[in-house]
Amino acid sequence: MTRPLRVVFICTQNKLRSLTAEVLFRDTAGWEVASAGTNRDALTPLTRDVLEWADAAVCMQKRHRDVVRGQFRGALPDDRIVTLGIPDDYEFMASELVTLLLDRVPARLAALSPRPDQAT
């Protein structure tokens, strides 16, 4: 039996978009999820350990992907960093945000499986 796909959702403060995604996908069969923010004062700040734990990083915007690639170079392969293009225009669990996440996340992660180089 393979372990769940580990997904970390990333935004700036980890209070609205990435936290909504974590809550929304928390009970998705075959996934283990977490969320973090790129700012030092985020609710849960992004760390190298979180990225090394993850099989995929789902970034809300290009600038979050750039932080992952720059500050945490090598923690996660580029082909496992997904950018959704969701701006910071939504409140926590806003219906429009939920719709965007449901439309974009499963499709972008469908082809991924757990990284073979990680321990179970």
Protein backbone atom coordinates (compact mmCIF):
# COMPACT_ATOMS: atom_id res chain seq x y z
CA MET A 1 0.00 0.00 0.00
CA THR A 2 1.39 3.40 -0.94
CA ARG A 3 1.29 6.31 1.45
CA PRO A 4 -0.92 9.35 0.82
CA LEU A 5 0.18 12.17 -1.49
CA ARG A 6 1.55 14.92 0.77
CA VAL A 7 0.47 18.38 -0.35
CA VAL A 8 1.38 21.74 1.16
CA PHE A 9 -0.70 24.77 0.16
CA ILE A 10 1.20 28.07 0.20
CA CYS A 11 0.14 31.72 0.27
CA THR A 12 1.51 34.79 2.02
CA GLN A 13 0.06 34.82 5.54
CA ASN A 14 -1.50 31.31 5.72
CA LYS A 15 -4.73 32.87 6.98
CA LEU A 16 -7.07 32.89 3.97
CA ARG A 17 -6.21 31.08 0.72
CA SER A 18 -3.83 28.32 1.79
CA LEU A 19 -5.73 27.69 5.02
CA THR A 20 -8.98 27.42 3.04
CA ALA A 21 -7.32 24.87 0.75
CA GLU A 22 -6.04 22.87 3.71
CA VAL A 23 -9.51 22.74 5.27
CA LEU A 24 -11.18 21.99 1.93
CA PHE A 25 -8.89 19.08 1.01
CA ARG A 26 -8.24 17.76 4.54
CA ASP A 27 -10.48 14.72 4.06
CA THR A 28 -9.53 13.94 0.46
CA ALA A 29 -8.85 10.24 0.15
CA GLY A 30 -5.23 9.52 -0.64
CA TRP A 31 -3.98 12.98 0.36
CA GLU A 32 -2.30 14.32 3.48
CA VAL A 33 -2.37 18.13 3.51
CA ALA A 34 -0.78 21.06 5.29
CA SER A 35 -0.55 24.80 4.67
CA ALA A 36 1.99 27.54 5.25
CA GLY A 37 2.75 31.15 4.44
CA THR A 38 5.82 32.74 2.89
CA ASN A 39 5.96 35.67 5.34
CA ARG A 40 7.92 35.26 8.55
CA ASP A 41 4.86 36.36 10.55
CA ALA A 42 2.52 33.92 8.79
CA LEU A 43 0.18 31.80 10.89
CA THR A 44 2.42 28.82 10.00
CA PRO A 45 5.62 30.04 8.31
CA LEU A 46 6.94 27.97 5.43
CA THR A 47 10.04 25.93 6.28
CA ARG A 48 12.43 23.66 4.42
CA ASP A 49 11.22 20.74 6.55
CA VAL A 50 7.63 21.22 5.34
CA LEU A 51 8.77 21.32 1.71
CA GLU A 52 10.95 18.24 2.13
CA TRP A 53 7.96 16.43 3.71
CA ALA A 54 5.71 17.34 0.77
CA ASP A 55 5.27 15.59 -2.55
CA ALA A 56 3.81 18.78 -4.02
CA ALA A 57 3.65 22.47 -3.17
CA VAL A 58 0.54 24.26 -4.38
CA CYS A 59 1.29 27.99 -4.54
CA MET A 60 -1.50 30.51 -4.84
CA GLN A 61 0.59 32.95 -6.91
CA LYS A 62 3.83 33.09 -8.88
CA ARG A 63 5.52 35.09 -6.12
CA HIS A 64 4.97 32.20 -3.68
CA ARG A 65 6.53 29.80 -6.19
CA ASP A 66 9.48 32.19 -6.52
CA VAL A 67 10.02 32.09 -2.74
CA VAL A 68 9.97 28.29 -2.77
CA ARG A 69 12.47 28.20 -5.64
CA GLY A 70 14.70 30.92 -4.21
CA GLN A 71 14.77 30.64 -0.43
CA PHE A 72 14.27 26.87 -0.35
CA ARG A 73 16.19 25.84 -3.46
CA GLY A 74 16.33 22.08 -3.88
CA ALA A 75 13.78 21.24 -1.18
CA LEU A 76 11.23 20.20 -3.80
CA PRO A 77 11.74 19.49 -7.51
CA ASP A 78 10.38 22.19 -9.87
CA ASP A 79 7.92 19.79 -11.48
CA ARG A 80 6.25 19.38 -8.10
CA ILE A 81 5.62 23.09 -7.54
CA VAL A 82 2.20 24.09 -8.85
CA THR A 83 0.98 27.67 -9.26
CA LEU A 84 -2.78 28.31 -9.25
CA GLY A 85 -2.90 32.03 -10.10
CA ILE A 86 -5.34 32.87 -7.31
CA PRO A 87 -4.93 36.49 -6.14
CA ASP A 88 -5.27 37.67 -2.55
CA ASP A 89 -8.87 38.81 -3.09
CA TYR A 90 -10.77 36.29 -0.98
CA GLU A 91 -11.78 35.77 2.62
CA PHE A 92 -11.36 32.45 4.42
CA MET A 93 -13.73 29.84 2.93
CA ALA A 94 -15.30 32.37 0.51
CA SER A 95 -17.51 30.52 -1.96
CA GLU A 96 -15.64 31.93 -4.97
CA LEU A 97 -12.31 30.79 -3.50
CA VAL A 98 -13.69 27.33 -2.76
CA THR A 99 -14.92 27.05 -6.36
CA LEU A 100 -11.52 28.06 -7.76
CA LEU A 101 -9.70 25.60 -5.54
CA LEU A 102 -12.07 22.73 -6.40
CA ASP A 103 -11.67 23.51 -10.11
CA ARG A 104 -7.89 23.85 -10.15
CA VAL A 105 -6.25 21.73 -7.46
CA PRO A 106 -7.39 18.17 -8.29
CA ALA A 107 -6.65 18.64 -12.00
CA ARG A 108 -3.15 19.98 -11.32
CA LEU A 109 -2.28 17.17 -8.92
CA ALA A 110 -3.93 14.28 -10.76
CA ALA A 111 -0.72 13.02 -12.37
CA LEU A 112 1.40 13.20 -9.21
CA SER A 113 2.18 10.35 -6.88
CA PRO A 114 4.29 10.24 -3.73
CA ARG A 115 7.97 10.89 -4.36
CA PRO A 116 9.86 7.61 -4.47
CA ASP A 117 12.89 9.20 -2.78
CA GLN A 118 10.97 9.87 0.43
CA ALA A 119 10.56 7.58 3.39
CA THR A 120 7.04 6.47 4.28
